[in-house]
Structure formats: C-alpha cells, structure tokens
Amino acid sequence: MNKTMEFFLKINDLQNTKRYGKYPAYTESTSEHTFKVILIVDYLFRELKLDLNYGKCIKIAIYHDFSEIDLDIDIDAYESSKMESNAKKHMESKKISEISKKFYSDIEDIFREYEEKESEESKFVNACDKLEACIYVLSKNKEIMNYEFFATYSDNTILKFPKLLPIYKEVKTLMRKRYQELGYDWKSEYDKIFNKGEKL
C-alpha cells in the first residue's frame, strides 16, 4: 500500500477514538471535535481580525489532537486532568512520533508547537479548543457532567489569549443561565477571570 492510501485510511481512526465515552449522551469522536475546532478557529480569526499566521492556526487546529488516533481509552477533559501528566504526555508523544515518522515530520512539529503553547497561534488554537468543549457540553439538553470542573475549565487558557475574553464572557453568561436552569450554584469564583487583579 502506498503512503497516500495508508494516510487516508489512518485518518479514519480519528472517528474511532471516542470522547466522553463514560457519558453516552455526550459521546463524540475526535474527528467531530477537531472539525468544530477548525470552524471556530476560522470564524474567530476573521471575526477578531487577528494578526496571526492563518495557515499555521488552521494546521495546528487540524493536528492538535492527532495523538488520539488509535488510542484505546475514553478521552474526557475531567478524567484527563486527573491523569498523571507524564504518563499521558508519554502516551501522546509516542503516538505522534509514530505517525510523523511514517508520514510527514512536520506533523510532530505542529503538534509540539500546540503542546508547548508558546506561539500566539498555538495559544489561540488552544483557547478555541477549550471553548469548543464548553460549548459542546452546553449544547446538550442534559445535566452537565462534572459541572464544577467545566465552570472554570477554559479560564487559564483564555487568559493566555485575552483577545477572546469578550467571547468567553458571552459563553460564561450562557453557562450561568444553563447552570441556574439545572439548579446548580453559580459561584462567584466562576467569574473571577473577569475581575481584574483577582487571582484565579
């Protein structure tokens, strides 16, 4: 099989890695999540008239979760946050290296840039990634899994790309309304990100 056909078949595996597998009402594939992140990146890049490298932003969005190909685990933001970080990073690093060696070395470079979050492009895409997760959870007409965790899930990432603060304020407004409808407390700490001088 030639490399091109192997790559085409490989990317199908993004459909097989399930996110939120322990919450059937929320389950989606990595490919579904990735496509939405790409759309959010494209939309906000235009809407905010960002002075960034558009091509790099899109490429980072495309490959930001490529390490999830073939992973035989449920991908869940809350559960992942509790995982031993070195073990998770090792697992992802091994997977992205395998893919990169087989196809194109810059896949690993793009992934590393996203992980290191030092460039403005990577900070922007990372913030969009976190926004997508919150919007996805809110879009379901269900109880919100790990609602206390999701209330501040994006805060630190958004602070690293503050141009998204006005958008995030709208997301938080929607979150507050949804939480109140479901009978969850909306704690003052959930809005700390908008209070200048107050530490998160």
C-alpha atoms as a PDB file:
ATOM      1  CA  MET A   1       0.000   0.000   0.000  1.00  0.00           C
ATOM      2  CA  ASN A   2       1.427   3.416  -0.871  1.00  0.00           C
ATOM      3  CA  LYS A   3       1.883   6.157   1.715  1.00  0.00           C
ATOM      4  CA  THR A   4      -1.016   8.281   0.468  1.00  0.00           C
ATOM      5  CA  MET A   5      -3.564   5.491   0.738  1.00  0.00           C
ATOM      6  CA  GLU A   6      -2.195   4.483   4.124  1.00  0.00           C
ATOM      7  CA  PHE A   7      -2.622   8.060   5.358  1.00  0.00           C
ATOM      8  CA  PHE A   8      -6.187   8.239   4.038  1.00  0.00           C
ATOM      9  CA  LEU A   9      -7.057   5.039   5.879  1.00  0.00           C
ATOM     10  CA  LYS A  10      -5.222   6.139   9.014  1.00  0.00           C
ATOM     11  CA  ILE A  11      -7.192   9.343   9.453  1.00  0.00           C
ATOM     12  CA  ASN A  12     -10.390   7.290   9.599  1.00  0.00           C
ATOM     13  CA  ASP A  13      -9.189   6.149  13.015  1.00  0.00           C
ATOM     14  CA  LEU A  14      -9.972   9.615  14.377  1.00  0.00           C
ATOM     15  CA  GLN A  15     -13.618   8.556  14.099  1.00  0.00           C
ATOM     16  CA  ASN A  16     -12.974   5.565  16.342  1.00  0.00           C
ATOM     17  CA  THR A  17     -11.488   7.404  19.316  1.00  0.00           C
ATOM     18  CA  LYS A  18     -14.429   8.378  21.479  1.00  0.00           C
ATOM     19  CA  ARG A  19     -14.578  11.438  23.677  1.00  0.00           C
ATOM     20  CA  TYR A  20     -16.701  11.399  26.859  1.00  0.00           C
ATOM     21  CA  GLY A  21     -17.179   7.643  26.432  1.00  0.00           C
ATOM     22  CA  LYS A  22     -18.381   7.309  30.013  1.00  0.00           C
ATOM     23  CA  TYR A  23     -21.214   9.751  29.289  1.00  0.00           C
ATOM     24  CA  PRO A  24     -23.282   8.251  26.422  1.00  0.00           C
ATOM     25  CA  ALA A  25     -25.365  11.389  25.900  1.00  0.00           C
ATOM     26  CA  TYR A  26     -22.172  13.368  25.203  1.00  0.00           C
ATOM     27  CA  THR A  27     -20.109  10.846  23.226  1.00  0.00           C
ATOM     28  CA  GLU A  28     -18.467  12.123  20.046  1.00  0.00           C
ATOM     29  CA  SER A  29     -15.404  11.190  18.029  1.00  0.00           C
ATOM     30  CA  THR A  30     -12.099  13.032  17.926  1.00  0.00           C
ATOM     31  CA  SER A  31     -12.735  13.847  14.258  1.00  0.00           C
ATOM     32  CA  GLU A  32     -16.049  15.541  15.128  1.00  0.00           C
ATOM     33  CA  HIS A  33     -14.368  17.617  17.819  1.00  0.00           C
ATOM     34  CA  THR A  34     -11.447  18.528  15.544  1.00  0.00           C
ATOM     35  CA  PHE A  35     -13.707  19.703  12.739  1.00  0.00           C
ATOM     36  CA  LYS A  36     -15.588  22.000  15.128  1.00  0.00           C
ATOM     37  CA  VAL A  37     -12.326  23.443  16.476  1.00  0.00           C
ATOM     38  CA  ILE A  38     -11.214  24.205  12.900  1.00  0.00           C
ATOM     39  CA  LEU A  39     -14.506  26.027  12.239  1.00  0.00           C
ATOM     40  CA  ILE A  40     -14.203  28.039  15.476  1.00  0.00           C
ATOM     41  CA  VAL A  41     -10.584  28.957  14.668  1.00  0.00           C
ATOM     42  CA  ASP A  42     -11.557  30.086  11.169  1.00  0.00           C
ATOM     43  CA  TYR A  43     -14.571  32.069  12.391  1.00  0.00           C
ATOM     44  CA  LEU A  44     -12.829  33.839  15.277  1.00  0.00           C
ATOM     45  CA  PHE A  45      -9.730  34.562  13.185  1.00  0.00           C
ATOM     46  CA  ARG A  46     -11.954  36.507  10.759  1.00  0.00           C
ATOM     47  CA  GLU A  47     -14.260  37.993  13.381  1.00  0.00           C
ATOM     48  CA  LEU A  48     -11.423  39.335  15.516  1.00  0.00           C
ATOM     49  CA  LYS A  49      -9.238  40.271  12.526  1.00  0.00           C
ATOM     50  CA  LEU A  50      -6.276  38.608  14.196  1.00  0.00           C
ATOM     51  CA  ASP A  51      -2.751  39.492  13.109  1.00  0.00           C
ATOM     52  CA  LEU A  52      -1.560  35.893  13.172  1.00  0.00           C
ATOM     53  CA  ASN A  53      -0.435  33.329  10.614  1.00  0.00           C
ATOM     54  CA  TYR A  54      -3.791  31.969   9.415  1.00  0.00           C
ATOM     55  CA  GLY A  55      -2.312  28.889   7.721  1.00  0.00           C
ATOM     56  CA  LYS A  56      -0.426  27.953  10.864  1.00  0.00           C
ATOM     57  CA  CYS A  57      -3.556  28.375  13.015  1.00  0.00           C
ATOM     58  CA  ILE A  58      -5.565  26.062  10.757  1.00  0.00           C
ATOM     59  CA  LYS A  59      -2.761  23.500  10.602  1.00  0.00           C
ATOM     60  CA  ILE A  60      -2.424  23.480  14.403  1.00  0.00           C
ATOM     61  CA  ALA A  61      -6.193  23.032  14.708  1.00  0.00           C
ATOM     62  CA  ILE A  62      -6.112  20.112  12.248  1.00  0.00           C
ATOM     63  CA  TYR A  63      -3.353  18.242  14.080  1.00  0.00           C
ATOM     64  CA  HIS A  64      -3.876  19.342  17.705  1.00  0.00           C
ATOM     65  CA  ASP A  65      -5.487  16.023  18.732  1.00  0.00           C
ATOM     66  CA  PHE A  66      -3.784  13.761  16.202  1.00  0.00           C
ATOM     67  CA  SER A  67      -2.135  11.904  19.075  1.00  0.00           C
ATOM     68  CA  GLU A  68      -5.579  10.448  19.863  1.00  0.00           C
ATOM     69  CA  ILE A  69      -5.539   8.242  16.754  1.00  0.00           C
ATOM     70  CA  ASP A  70      -5.892   4.578  17.767  1.00  0.00           C
ATOM     71  CA  LEU A  71      -5.873   5.338  21.491  1.00  0.00           C
ATOM     72  CA  ASP A  72      -7.872   2.664  23.262  1.00  0.00           C
ATOM     73  CA  ILE A  73      -9.089   4.972  26.020  1.00  0.00           C
ATOM     74  CA  ASP A  74     -12.014   7.292  26.642  1.00  0.00           C
ATOM     75  CA  ILE A  75     -10.998  10.906  26.112  1.00  0.00           C
ATOM     76  CA  ASP A  76     -12.574  13.111  28.757  1.00  0.00           C
ATOM     77  CA  ALA A  77     -11.355  16.520  29.873  1.00  0.00           C
ATOM     78  CA  TYR A  78     -12.133  15.893  33.540  1.00  0.00           C
ATOM     79  CA  GLU A  79     -10.627  12.399  33.659  1.00  0.00           C
ATOM     80  CA  SER A  80      -7.588  13.528  31.628  1.00  0.00           C
ATOM     81  CA  SER A  81      -6.986  16.362  34.073  1.00  0.00           C
ATOM     82  CA  LYS A  82      -6.645  13.786  36.857  1.00  0.00           C
ATOM     83  CA  MET A  83      -4.289  11.521  34.911  1.00  0.00           C
ATOM     84  CA  GLU A  84      -0.634  11.537  35.827  1.00  0.00           C
ATOM     85  CA  SER A  85       0.591  14.134  33.347  1.00  0.00           C
ATOM     86  CA  ASN A  86       3.893  12.432  32.489  1.00  0.00           C
ATOM     87  CA  ALA A  87       2.144   9.160  31.616  1.00  0.00           C
ATOM     88  CA  LYS A  88      -0.363  10.969  29.387  1.00  0.00           C
ATOM     89  CA  LYS A  89       2.341  13.018  27.680  1.00  0.00           C
ATOM     90  CA  HIS A  90       4.446   9.920  27.078  1.00  0.00           C
ATOM     91  CA  MET A  91       1.485   8.120  25.504  1.00  0.00           C
ATOM     92  CA  GLU A  92       0.690  11.068  23.221  1.00  0.00           C
ATOM     93  CA  SER A  93       4.346  11.683  22.376  1.00  0.00           C
ATOM     94  CA  LYS A  94       4.881   8.079  21.331  1.00  0.00           C
ATOM     95  CA  LYS A  95       1.771   8.072  19.137  1.00  0.00           C
ATOM     96  CA  ILE A  96       2.536  11.370  17.359  1.00  0.00           C
ATOM     97  CA  SER A  97       6.151  10.301  16.737  1.00  0.00           C
ATOM     98  CA  GLU A  98       4.996   7.057  15.111  1.00  0.00           C
ATOM     99  CA  ILE A  99       2.575   8.903  12.826  1.00  0.00           C
ATOM    100  CA  SER A 100       5.079  11.622  11.979  1.00  0.00           C
ATOM    101  CA  LYS A 101       7.859   9.197  11.057  1.00  0.00           C
ATOM    102  CA  LYS A 102       5.516   7.247   8.814  1.00  0.00           C
ATOM    103  CA  PHE A 103       4.068  10.264   7.000  1.00  0.00           C
ATOM    104  CA  TYR A 104       5.456  13.802   7.463  1.00  0.00           C
ATOM    105  CA  SER A 105       7.858  15.046  10.119  1.00  0.00           C
ATOM    106  CA  ASP A 106       6.142  18.419  10.383  1.00  0.00           C
ATOM    107  CA  ILE A 107       3.060  16.728  11.909  1.00  0.00           C
ATOM    108  CA  GLU A 108       5.094  16.250  15.063  1.00  0.00           C
ATOM    109  CA  ASP A 109       6.472  19.803  14.854  1.00  0.00           C
ATOM    110  CA  ILE A 110       2.944  21.225  14.609  1.00  0.00           C
ATOM    111  CA  PHE A 111       1.738  19.050  17.471  1.00  0.00           C
ATOM    112  CA  ARG A 112       4.701  20.080  19.651  1.00  0.00           C
ATOM    113  CA  GLU A 113       4.030  23.741  18.964  1.00  0.00           C
ATOM    114  CA  TYR A 114       0.457  23.261  20.120  1.00  0.00           C
ATOM    115  CA  GLU A 115       1.558  21.403  23.251  1.00  0.00           C
ATOM    116  CA  GLU A 116       4.205  23.961  24.211  1.00  0.00           C
ATOM    117  CA  LYS A 117       1.760  26.871  23.801  1.00  0.00           C
ATOM    118  CA  GLU A 118       4.473  29.466  23.312  1.00  0.00           C
ATOM    119  CA  SER A 119       3.469  30.911  19.938  1.00  0.00           C
ATOM    120  CA  GLU A 120       0.437  33.195  19.693  1.00  0.00           C
ATOM    121  CA  GLU A 121      -1.052  30.835  17.123  1.00  0.00           C
ATOM    122  CA  SER A 122      -0.855  27.872  19.497  1.00  0.00           C
ATOM    123  CA  LYS A 123      -2.337  29.916  22.366  1.00  0.00           C
ATOM    124  CA  PHE A 124      -5.214  30.976  20.120  1.00  0.00           C
ATOM    125  CA  VAL A 125      -5.983  27.430  18.942  1.00  0.00           C
ATOM    126  CA  ASN A 126      -5.702  26.079  22.481  1.00  0.00           C
ATOM    127  CA  ALA A 127      -8.221  28.662  23.668  1.00  0.00           C
ATOM    128  CA  CYS A 128     -10.571  27.716  20.811  1.00  0.00           C
ATOM    129  CA  ASP A 129     -10.181  24.048  21.738  1.00  0.00           C
ATOM    130  CA  LYS A 130     -11.263  24.756  25.318  1.00  0.00           C
ATOM    131  CA  LEU A 131     -14.147  26.944  24.125  1.00  0.00           C
ATOM    132  CA  GLU A 132     -15.394  24.130  21.894  1.00  0.00           C
ATOM    133  CA  ALA A 133     -15.519  21.719  24.840  1.00  0.00           C
ATOM    134  CA  CYS A 134     -17.599  24.133  26.935  1.00  0.00           C
ATOM    135  CA  ILE A 135     -19.936  24.975  24.053  1.00  0.00           C
ATOM    136  CA  TYR A 136     -20.391  21.285  23.248  1.00  0.00           C
ATOM    137  CA  VAL A 137     -21.342  20.438  26.833  1.00  0.00           C
ATOM    138  CA  LEU A 138     -23.768  23.370  26.962  1.00  0.00           C
ATOM    139  CA  SER A 139     -25.381  22.436  23.657  1.00  0.00           C
ATOM    140  CA  LYS A 140     -26.740  19.205  25.085  1.00  0.00           C
ATOM    141  CA  ASN A 141     -30.143  19.346  26.717  1.00  0.00           C
ATOM    142  CA  LYS A 142     -28.876  17.249  29.607  1.00  0.00           C
ATOM    143  CA  GLU A 143     -27.376  17.595  33.041  1.00  0.00           C
ATOM    144  CA  ILE A 144     -23.817  18.886  32.752  1.00  0.00           C
ATOM    145  CA  MET A 145     -21.203  16.294  33.636  1.00  0.00           C
ATOM    146  CA  ASN A 146     -18.639  17.470  36.184  1.00  0.00           C
ATOM    147  CA  TYR A 147     -20.285  20.894  36.126  1.00  0.00           C
ATOM    148  CA  GLU A 148     -17.976  22.458  38.732  1.00  0.00           C
ATOM    149  CA  PHE A 149     -14.943  21.465  36.669  1.00  0.00           C
ATOM    150  CA  PHE A 150     -16.379  22.836  33.407  1.00  0.00           C
ATOM    151  CA  ALA A 151     -17.331  26.156  35.014  1.00  0.00           C
ATOM    152  CA  THR A 152     -13.659  27.193  35.038  1.00  0.00           C
ATOM    153  CA  TYR A 153     -12.218  24.680  32.562  1.00  0.00           C
ATOM    154  CA  SER A 154     -11.208  27.318  29.991  1.00  0.00           C
ATOM    155  CA  ASP A 155     -10.199  30.158  32.328  1.00  0.00           C
ATOM    156  CA  ASN A 156      -6.401  29.861  32.385  1.00  0.00           C
ATOM    157  CA  THR A 157      -6.197  29.082  28.672  1.00  0.00           C
ATOM    158  CA  ILE A 158      -8.333  32.094  27.752  1.00  0.00           C
ATOM    159  CA  LEU A 159      -6.156  34.344  29.930  1.00  0.00           C
ATOM    160  CA  LYS A 160      -3.180  33.348  27.787  1.00  0.00           C
ATOM    161  CA  PHE A 161      -5.033  34.704  24.756  1.00  0.00           C
ATOM    162  CA  PRO A 162      -7.041  37.607  26.242  1.00  0.00           C
ATOM    163  CA  LYS A 163      -8.449  38.768  22.896  1.00  0.00           C
ATOM    164  CA  LEU A 164     -11.030  36.018  23.415  1.00  0.00           C
ATOM    165  CA  LEU A 165     -12.221  37.399  26.772  1.00  0.00           C
ATOM    166  CA  PRO A 166     -15.293  39.171  25.278  1.00  0.00           C
ATOM    167  CA  ILE A 167     -16.344  35.937  23.530  1.00  0.00           C
ATOM    168  CA  TYR A 168     -15.686  33.962  26.687  1.00  0.00           C
ATOM    169  CA  LYS A 169     -17.848  36.367  28.667  1.00  0.00           C
ATOM    170  CA  GLU A 170     -20.741  35.505  26.363  1.00  0.00           C
ATOM    171  CA  VAL A 171     -20.043  31.789  26.840  1.00  0.00           C
ATOM    172  CA  LYS A 172     -19.974  32.238  30.625  1.00  0.00           C
ATOM    173  CA  THR A 173     -23.269  34.143  30.505  1.00  0.00           C
ATOM    174  CA  LEU A 174     -24.823  31.189  28.692  1.00  0.00           C
ATOM    175  CA  MET A 175     -23.206  28.816  31.204  1.00  0.00           C
ATOM    176  CA  ARG A 176     -24.603  30.739  34.157  1.00  0.00           C
ATOM    177  CA  LYS A 177     -28.102  30.653  32.681  1.00  0.00           C
ATOM    178  CA  ARG A 178     -27.862  26.920  31.961  1.00  0.00           C
ATOM    179  CA  TYR A 179     -26.475  26.160  35.425  1.00  0.00           C
ATOM    180  CA  GLN A 180     -29.288  28.084  37.074  1.00  0.00           C
ATOM    181  CA  GLU A 181     -31.873  26.243  34.972  1.00  0.00           C
ATOM    182  CA  LEU A 182     -30.397  22.947  36.146  1.00  0.00           C
ATOM    183  CA  GLY A 183     -30.303  24.045  39.789  1.00  0.00           C
ATOM    184  CA  TYR A 184     -26.511  24.284  40.068  1.00  0.00           C
ATOM    185  CA  ASP A 185     -24.958  27.059  42.128  1.00  0.00           C
ATOM    186  CA  TRP A 186     -23.108  29.667  40.091  1.00  0.00           C
ATOM    187  CA  LYS A 187     -20.251  30.532  42.439  1.00  0.00           C
ATOM    188  CA  SER A 188     -18.540  33.931  42.437  1.00  0.00           C
ATOM    189  CA  GLU A 189     -15.218  32.206  41.689  1.00  0.00           C
ATOM    190  CA  TYR A 190     -16.583  31.171  38.293  1.00  0.00           C
ATOM    191  CA  ASP A 191     -16.414  34.833  37.225  1.00  0.00           C
ATOM    192  CA  LYS A 192     -13.005  35.629  38.705  1.00  0.00           C
ATOM    193  CA  ILE A 193     -11.478  35.679  35.246  1.00  0.00           C
ATOM    194  CA  PHE A 194     -13.325  38.942  34.554  1.00  0.00           C
ATOM    195  CA  ASN A 195     -12.343  40.630  37.818  1.00  0.00           C
ATOM    196  CA  LYS A 196      -9.070  42.444  37.228  1.00  0.00           C
ATOM    197  CA  GLY A 197      -6.477  41.956  39.905  1.00  0.00           C
ATOM    198  CA  GLU A 198      -8.181  38.907  41.388  1.00  0.00           C
ATOM    199  CA  LYS A 199      -6.146  35.714  41.219  1.00  0.00           C
ATOM    200  CA  LEU A 200      -7.705  32.598  39.742  1.00  0.00           C
END
